[in-house]
Every structure is written in C-alpha cells, then in structure tokens.
Protein backbone atom coordinates (compact mmCIF):
# COMPACT_ATOMS: atom_id res chain seq x y z
CA UNK A 1 100.39 91.76 94.45
CA UNK A 2 102.00 95.20 94.35
CA UNK A 3 100.66 98.08 92.29
CA UNK A 4 103.76 97.85 90.11
CA UNK A 5 103.21 94.15 89.41
CA UNK A 6 99.58 94.86 88.58
CA UNK A 7 100.64 97.55 86.13
CA UNK A 8 103.02 95.16 84.36
CA UNK A 9 100.34 92.51 84.04
CA UNK A 10 97.77 95.05 82.90
CA UNK A 11 100.07 96.53 80.25
CA UNK A 12 100.78 93.04 78.89
CA UNK A 13 97.08 92.23 78.77
CA UNK A 14 96.21 95.42 76.90
CA UNK A 15 99.10 94.89 74.51
CA UNK A 16 97.83 91.40 73.74
CA UNK A 17 94.43 92.96 72.97
CA UNK A 18 96.06 95.09 70.27
CA UNK A 19 96.27 98.34 72.21
CA UNK A 20 99.45 100.20 71.31
CA UNK A 21 99.78 102.30 74.45
CA UNK A 22 99.10 99.52 76.92
CA UNK A 23 101.51 100.75 79.59
CA UNK A 24 100.14 104.30 79.61
CA UNK A 25 96.54 103.14 79.60
CA UNK A 26 97.14 100.57 82.35
CA UNK A 27 98.54 103.39 84.47
CA UNK A 28 95.42 105.50 83.93
CA UNK A 29 93.14 102.58 84.71
CA UNK A 30 95.09 101.74 87.86
CA UNK A 31 94.84 105.34 89.02
CA UNK A 32 91.07 105.25 88.45
CA UNK A 33 90.77 101.93 90.29
CA UNK A 34 92.65 103.29 93.31
CA UNK A 35 91.20 106.82 93.22
CA UNK A 36 94.62 108.38 92.65
CA UNK A 37 95.89 111.21 90.50
CA UNK A 38 97.80 109.53 87.64
CA UNK A 39 100.71 111.93 88.13
CA UNK A 40 101.24 110.50 91.63
CA UNK A 41 101.27 106.84 90.70
CA UNK A 42 105.05 106.55 91.12
CA UNK A 43 104.58 107.21 94.84
CA UNK A 44 102.41 104.10 95.16
CA UNK A 45 104.19 101.54 92.97
CA UNK A 46 105.28 99.44 95.95
CA UNK A 47 101.92 99.58 97.73
CA UNK A 48 99.91 96.39 98.08
CA UNK A 49 97.14 96.41 95.49
CA UNK A 50 94.82 94.46 97.78
CA UNK A 51 91.80 92.36 96.77
CA UNK A 52 89.39 95.29 96.33
CA UNK A 53 91.83 97.35 94.29
CA UNK A 54 92.70 94.29 92.21
CA UNK A 55 89.02 93.61 91.51
CA UNK A 56 88.38 97.21 90.43
CA UNK A 57 91.47 97.21 88.22
CA UNK A 58 90.47 93.87 86.66
CA UNK A 59 87.00 95.20 85.83
CA UNK A 60 88.45 98.28 84.11
CA UNK A 61 91.04 96.20 82.26
CA UNK A 62 88.34 93.85 80.96
CA UNK A 63 86.38 96.78 79.53
CA UNK A 64 89.44 98.25 77.80
CA UNK A 65 90.59 94.85 76.49
CA UNK A 66 87.14 94.59 74.88
CA UNK A 67 88.12 97.87 73.12
CA UNK A 68 85.69 100.12 74.96
CA UNK A 69 87.11 103.66 74.58
CA UNK A 70 89.15 104.99 77.48
CA UNK A 71 86.96 108.09 77.59
CA UNK A 72 83.89 105.93 78.28
CA UNK A 73 85.68 104.00 81.01
CA UNK A 74 87.09 107.10 82.70
CA UNK A 75 84.02 109.20 81.92
CA UNK A 76 85.87 112.11 80.39
CA UNK A 77 88.23 113.26 77.66
CA UNK A 78 90.67 116.16 77.55
CA UNK A 79 89.99 118.53 74.65
CA UNK A 80 91.57 121.92 74.03
CA UNK A 81 92.90 121.99 77.57
CA UNK A 82 89.63 121.14 79.34
CA UNK A 83 87.98 117.98 80.62
CA UNK A 84 84.68 117.06 78.95
CA UNK A 85 82.25 114.42 80.14
CA UNK A 86 81.90 111.66 77.54
CA UNK A 87 79.33 108.87 77.35
CA UNK A 88 78.22 106.38 74.72
CA UNK A 89 75.67 108.97 73.55
CA UNK A 90 78.28 111.33 72.07
CA UNK A 91 81.23 111.19 69.74
CA UNK A 92 84.53 110.90 71.59
CA UNK A 93 86.36 114.25 71.16
CA UNK A 94 89.52 113.75 69.14
CA UNK A 95 92.77 115.74 69.01
CA UNK A 96 92.46 116.44 65.28
CA UNK A 97 89.23 118.36 65.91
CA UNK A 98 91.23 120.89 67.90
CA UNK A 99 92.51 122.35 64.62
CA UNK A 100 88.92 123.37 63.79
CA UNK A 101 88.71 125.23 67.11
CA UNK A 102 92.09 126.89 66.52
CA UNK A 103 91.08 128.03 63.04
CA UNK A 104 87.76 129.40 64.31
CA UNK A 105 89.60 131.42 66.95
CA UNK A 106 91.71 133.22 64.35
CA UNK A 107 88.96 135.82 64.02
CA UNK A 108 86.56 137.36 66.50
CA UNK A 109 82.92 136.34 66.86
CA UNK A 110 79.97 137.18 69.08
CA UNK A 111 77.41 134.51 68.17
CA UNK A 112 78.35 130.94 67.25
CA UNK A 113 76.21 128.01 66.14
CA UNK A 114 77.51 124.45 66.51
CA UNK A 115 75.62 121.95 64.35
CA UNK A 116 75.68 118.38 65.66
CA UNK A 117 77.20 119.58 68.92
CA UNK A 118 77.44 116.15 70.62
CA UNK A 119 79.40 116.61 73.86
CA UNK A 120 79.56 120.35 73.18
CA UNK A 121 83.36 120.25 73.08
CA UNK A 122 83.70 122.54 70.04
CA UNK A 123 81.09 125.10 71.08
CA UNK A 124 82.19 125.22 74.71
CA UNK A 125 85.89 125.45 73.85
CA UNK A 126 85.13 128.44 71.62
CA UNK A 127 83.05 130.16 74.27
CA UNK A 128 85.65 129.50 76.95
CA UNK A 129 88.29 131.15 74.77
CA UNK A 130 86.11 134.16 73.84
CA UNK A 131 84.71 135.86 76.91
CA UNK A 132 81.38 137.51 76.14
CA UNK A 133 80.55 135.37 73.11
CA UNK A 134 77.31 133.39 73.14
CA UNK A 135 76.41 130.21 71.32
CA UNK A 136 73.83 127.62 70.42
CA UNK A 137 74.51 123.90 70.17
CA UNK A 138 72.06 121.96 68.00
CA UNK A 139 71.81 118.18 67.84
CA UNK A 140 69.21 115.66 66.76
CA UNK A 141 70.00 113.54 69.85
CA UNK A 142 68.32 114.55 73.10
CA UNK A 143 70.72 112.29 75.02
CA UNK A 144 73.72 114.05 73.49
CA UNK A 145 72.28 117.43 74.44
CA UNK A 146 72.00 116.30 78.05
CA UNK A 147 75.74 115.58 78.02
CA UNK A 148 76.47 118.95 76.40
CA UNK A 149 74.40 120.81 78.99
CA UNK A 150 76.26 119.06 81.79
CA UNK A 151 79.58 120.01 80.23
CA UNK A 152 78.44 123.62 79.94
CA UNK A 153 77.52 123.66 83.62
CA UNK A 154 80.78 122.01 84.68
CA UNK A 155 82.78 124.62 82.75
CA UNK A 156 80.76 127.56 84.05
CA UNK A 157 79.40 128.37 80.60
CA UNK A 158 75.70 127.58 81.04
CA UNK A 159 74.77 131.27 80.96
CA UNK A 160 76.33 131.72 77.52
CA UNK A 161 75.51 128.39 75.88
CA UNK A 162 72.02 127.32 74.82
CA UNK A 163 71.11 123.94 73.36
CA UNK A 164 68.34 122.89 71.00
CA UNK A 165 67.15 119.59 69.57
CA UNK A 166 67.28 120.10 65.81
CA UNK A 167 68.11 118.27 62.58
CA UNK A 168 70.77 120.58 61.15
CA UNK A 169 69.07 123.96 60.57
CA UNK A 170 65.48 122.77 60.96
CA UNK A 171 63.88 124.91 63.66
CA UNK A 172 67.03 126.95 64.26
CA UNK A 173 66.33 130.68 64.18
CA UNK A 174 68.58 133.71 63.86
CA UNK A 175 71.87 134.54 62.22
CA UNK A 176 75.40 133.93 63.45
CA UNK A 177 78.81 135.30 62.64
CA UNK A 178 80.35 131.84 63.09
CA UNK A 179 78.95 128.39 62.32
CA UNK A 180 80.95 125.24 63.09
CA UNK A 181 80.28 121.54 62.69
CA UNK A 182 81.93 118.14 62.94
CA UNK A 183 79.25 116.15 61.11
CA UNK A 184 79.10 112.40 60.38
CA UNK A 185 81.43 112.07 57.40
CA UNK A 186 82.43 108.40 57.24
CA UNK A 187 81.04 106.69 54.17
CA UNK A 188 79.17 103.43 54.64
CA UNK A 189 81.86 101.56 52.66
CA UNK A 190 84.51 102.71 55.16
CA UNK A 191 82.70 101.56 58.30
CA UNK A 192 84.11 97.98 58.37
CA UNK A 193 87.65 99.41 58.38
CA UNK A 194 87.24 101.50 61.53
CA UNK A 195 88.96 100.84 64.84
CA UNK A 196 87.01 98.54 67.20
CA UNK A 197 86.56 101.40 69.69
CA UNK A 198 84.22 103.19 67.29
CA UNK A 199 81.66 100.41 67.66
CA UNK A 200 80.98 101.88 71.12
CA UNK A 201 80.19 105.35 69.74
CA UNK A 202 76.82 106.50 68.33
CA UNK A 203 76.68 105.31 64.74
CA UNK A 204 74.67 108.33 63.63
CA UNK A 205 77.53 110.59 64.70
CA UNK A 206 79.96 108.64 62.51
CA UNK A 207 78.23 107.89 59.22
CA UNK A 208 75.36 109.11 57.06
CA UNK A 209 74.92 105.53 55.81
CA UNK A 210 75.79 106.87 52.35
CA UNK A 211 78.75 108.57 50.69
CA UNK A 212 79.75 110.60 53.77
CA UNK A 213 78.78 113.92 52.17
CA UNK A 214 75.07 114.26 52.87
CA UNK A 215 75.61 116.34 56.02
CA UNK A 216 77.68 118.86 54.05
CA UNK A 217 74.94 119.12 51.44
CA UNK A 218 72.34 119.78 54.16
CA UNK A 219 74.55 122.37 55.84
CA UNK A 220 75.37 124.11 52.55
CA UNK A 221 71.68 124.30 51.65
CA UNK A 222 70.81 126.30 54.77
CA UNK A 223 73.95 128.08 55.81
CA UNK A 224 73.55 131.39 53.97
CA UNK A 225 70.21 132.05 55.68
CA UNK A 226 71.93 131.72 59.05
CA UNK A 227 75.18 133.62 58.46
CA UNK A 228 75.54 137.38 58.82
CA UNK A 229 77.25 139.12 55.86
CA UNK A 230 80.90 138.12 55.98
CA UNK A 231 80.17 135.39 58.54
CA UNK A 232 82.27 132.24 58.57
CA UNK A 233 81.54 128.53 58.46
CA UNK A 234 84.10 125.85 59.40
CA UNK A 235 83.50 122.12 59.14
CA UNK A 236 85.64 119.11 59.90
CA UNK A 237 86.08 116.64 57.03
CA UNK A 238 87.54 113.23 56.31
CA UNK A 239 91.01 113.17 54.80
CA UNK A 240 89.80 112.53 51.22
CA UNK A 241 86.82 114.88 51.22
CA UNK A 242 88.45 118.28 50.85
CA UNK A 243 87.77 118.83 47.16
CA UNK A 244 84.20 117.51 47.36
CA UNK A 245 83.19 119.64 50.35
CA UNK A 246 84.89 122.72 48.90
CA UNK A 247 82.88 122.23 45.69
CA UNK A 248 79.62 121.75 47.62
CA UNK A 249 80.22 125.00 49.51
CA UNK A 250 81.24 126.97 46.42
CA UNK A 251 78.18 125.77 44.51
CA UNK A 252 76.00 126.91 47.43
CA UNK A 253 77.31 130.47 47.01
CA UNK A 254 79.86 130.58 49.81
CA UNK A 255 82.99 132.65 49.21
CA UNK A 256 86.70 132.34 50.06
CA UNK A 257 86.56 128.56 50.37
CA UNK A 258 89.77 127.28 51.95
CA UNK A 259 91.22 123.97 53.14
CA UNK A 260 93.19 123.56 56.35
CA UNK A 261 95.36 120.62 57.33
CA UNK A 262 95.76 118.94 60.70
CA UNK A 263 99.10 118.35 62.43
CA UNK A 264 99.63 115.22 60.33
CA UNK A 265 99.30 117.25 57.12
CA UNK A 266 95.90 115.78 56.18
CA UNK A 267 93.01 117.90 54.96
CA UNK A 268 90.86 118.38 58.06
CA UNK A 269 88.83 121.62 57.87
CA UNK A 270 86.95 123.41 55.12
CA UNK A 271 86.44 127.12 55.77
CA UNK A 272 84.26 129.59 53.86
CA UNK A 273 82.31 132.78 54.40
CA UNK A 274 79.16 134.50 53.20
CA UNK A 275 79.38 137.44 50.82
C-alpha cells in the first residue's frame, strides 16, 4: 500500500468516526507514524507504506477513531505560536484561550500569577512575549505542574517561571500586577453534551461539579489581597457566563469590569482591576 492510499483509507475511517477534519488529521497521524514533517508529506505520497509504517499508522488511527484528542496522540499542541507538551493530566490548550493572552498583553506587567495553570500555556505565553517579566503558576494537580515545568524548560523560561501546588490562592504569597486564569467553568448539567474528546481530559479542569461558577467565587474572594493597586485580573469564561462573572467580580470590589469576545463573537474573557 502506498502512503497516499493509506491516507485515503485513514481519512475515510476518521470521517466515519464523526471527525470533521479526517483528511487533515490522517495526514498528521501519517507524518507521526513515519517520522516526517507534515509539510513534506507530498514528497512521500507514492512511497510504499510498508508493514511497520502501516502498523504504526493503524495504531494511531485507532486511538483517534476512539476520539482520543490529537494533542494526546501527538504529545503536543500549538498555542500562541509555540508548541506545548500535552498529556491526559492537563487541559488541552484551545484557540479561544489565545484571546485571553492577547488581552493580557495589551498592558505591561512585571509579575503575573496564573491560577490553575495546567500545561502552563497561558503563563508561559505571557512570559515569552514579555522579556523580563516573572510569573508563578499555581495548580492543585502535582501531575499538571510537572507538565508545566517541562514546558517552561523546553521554552527556555524556567528561570522566570515558578510553579506551586495550591488550591486557588491558598498558600500563595505576594502581590501581582496581573492575575490570569482559565478555571473549570462547565456546569455539571452541561457535561453530557460535551464532545467525546473531553472524556480524555482531567474532569477537575473542566467542571466544578456544580453551576460552573464556584471557581470565580473563590478567585473573587482572594484576588484583592494579591493584586497591586491598579492591577488586572483576566479570566476565561463559558459563553453564557459573562453577566454572572462580571457581577461576582463587581460585588467583590473589583473595578472597571469588562467583557471581551472571542473571534466567534462569544463572550470569552472577563477583565477587571483593583482600585
């Protein structure tokens, strides 16, 4: 079987499994199976796939057809122009979260705190874009922090990024001019409606097992003690949570509460600052 024939069969199999971009994903999986750069696949379409290559491709296809996320299969995800290691211990970085990073970069900062850092993609993207800034990533999961530390080392940011096991602000010392978070915001009632891929991600990073707002309440309760005067906080939200999170922040004493939309026009980020 040629590589091209394998790609056709793989795309059809992924399409039958309900994956909308079966051809693109089959190409990425084939490149991984053969140890090739995906951009060079066209040079190898007429090569013989061979029994070993076919076996590796079949194993990867089976995982994706079972709706395991591509980032878990390939071991990484592109986010804000950089490759981040991803495992089943962290939330898969998503393109819509990039608007939180972009909004945070609209103003300068020297010290940033990322609550629920997961893979570290938000914190490390911010530090990579702001030379000289330092940051702390906090997470309740020790396994997630191991992934974040590895990402910091891979990106050459280990000297500016520290990590701490913590439940929101508990045990976190100091004040910051920027605090960011992408907390678990999916309500328990919404969980059955999620894409099958999310079953492979850490449940605690997705839902609070309640109304989806408990993380924002916890953050609002401690944020003023950890923000310098005029410091900013930015959090990612679900598309229907804008008004609720804005109210929670305003009632906590935060000022200049503002909503930002993602590229699809959905409410995605709530921003505020201390007095």
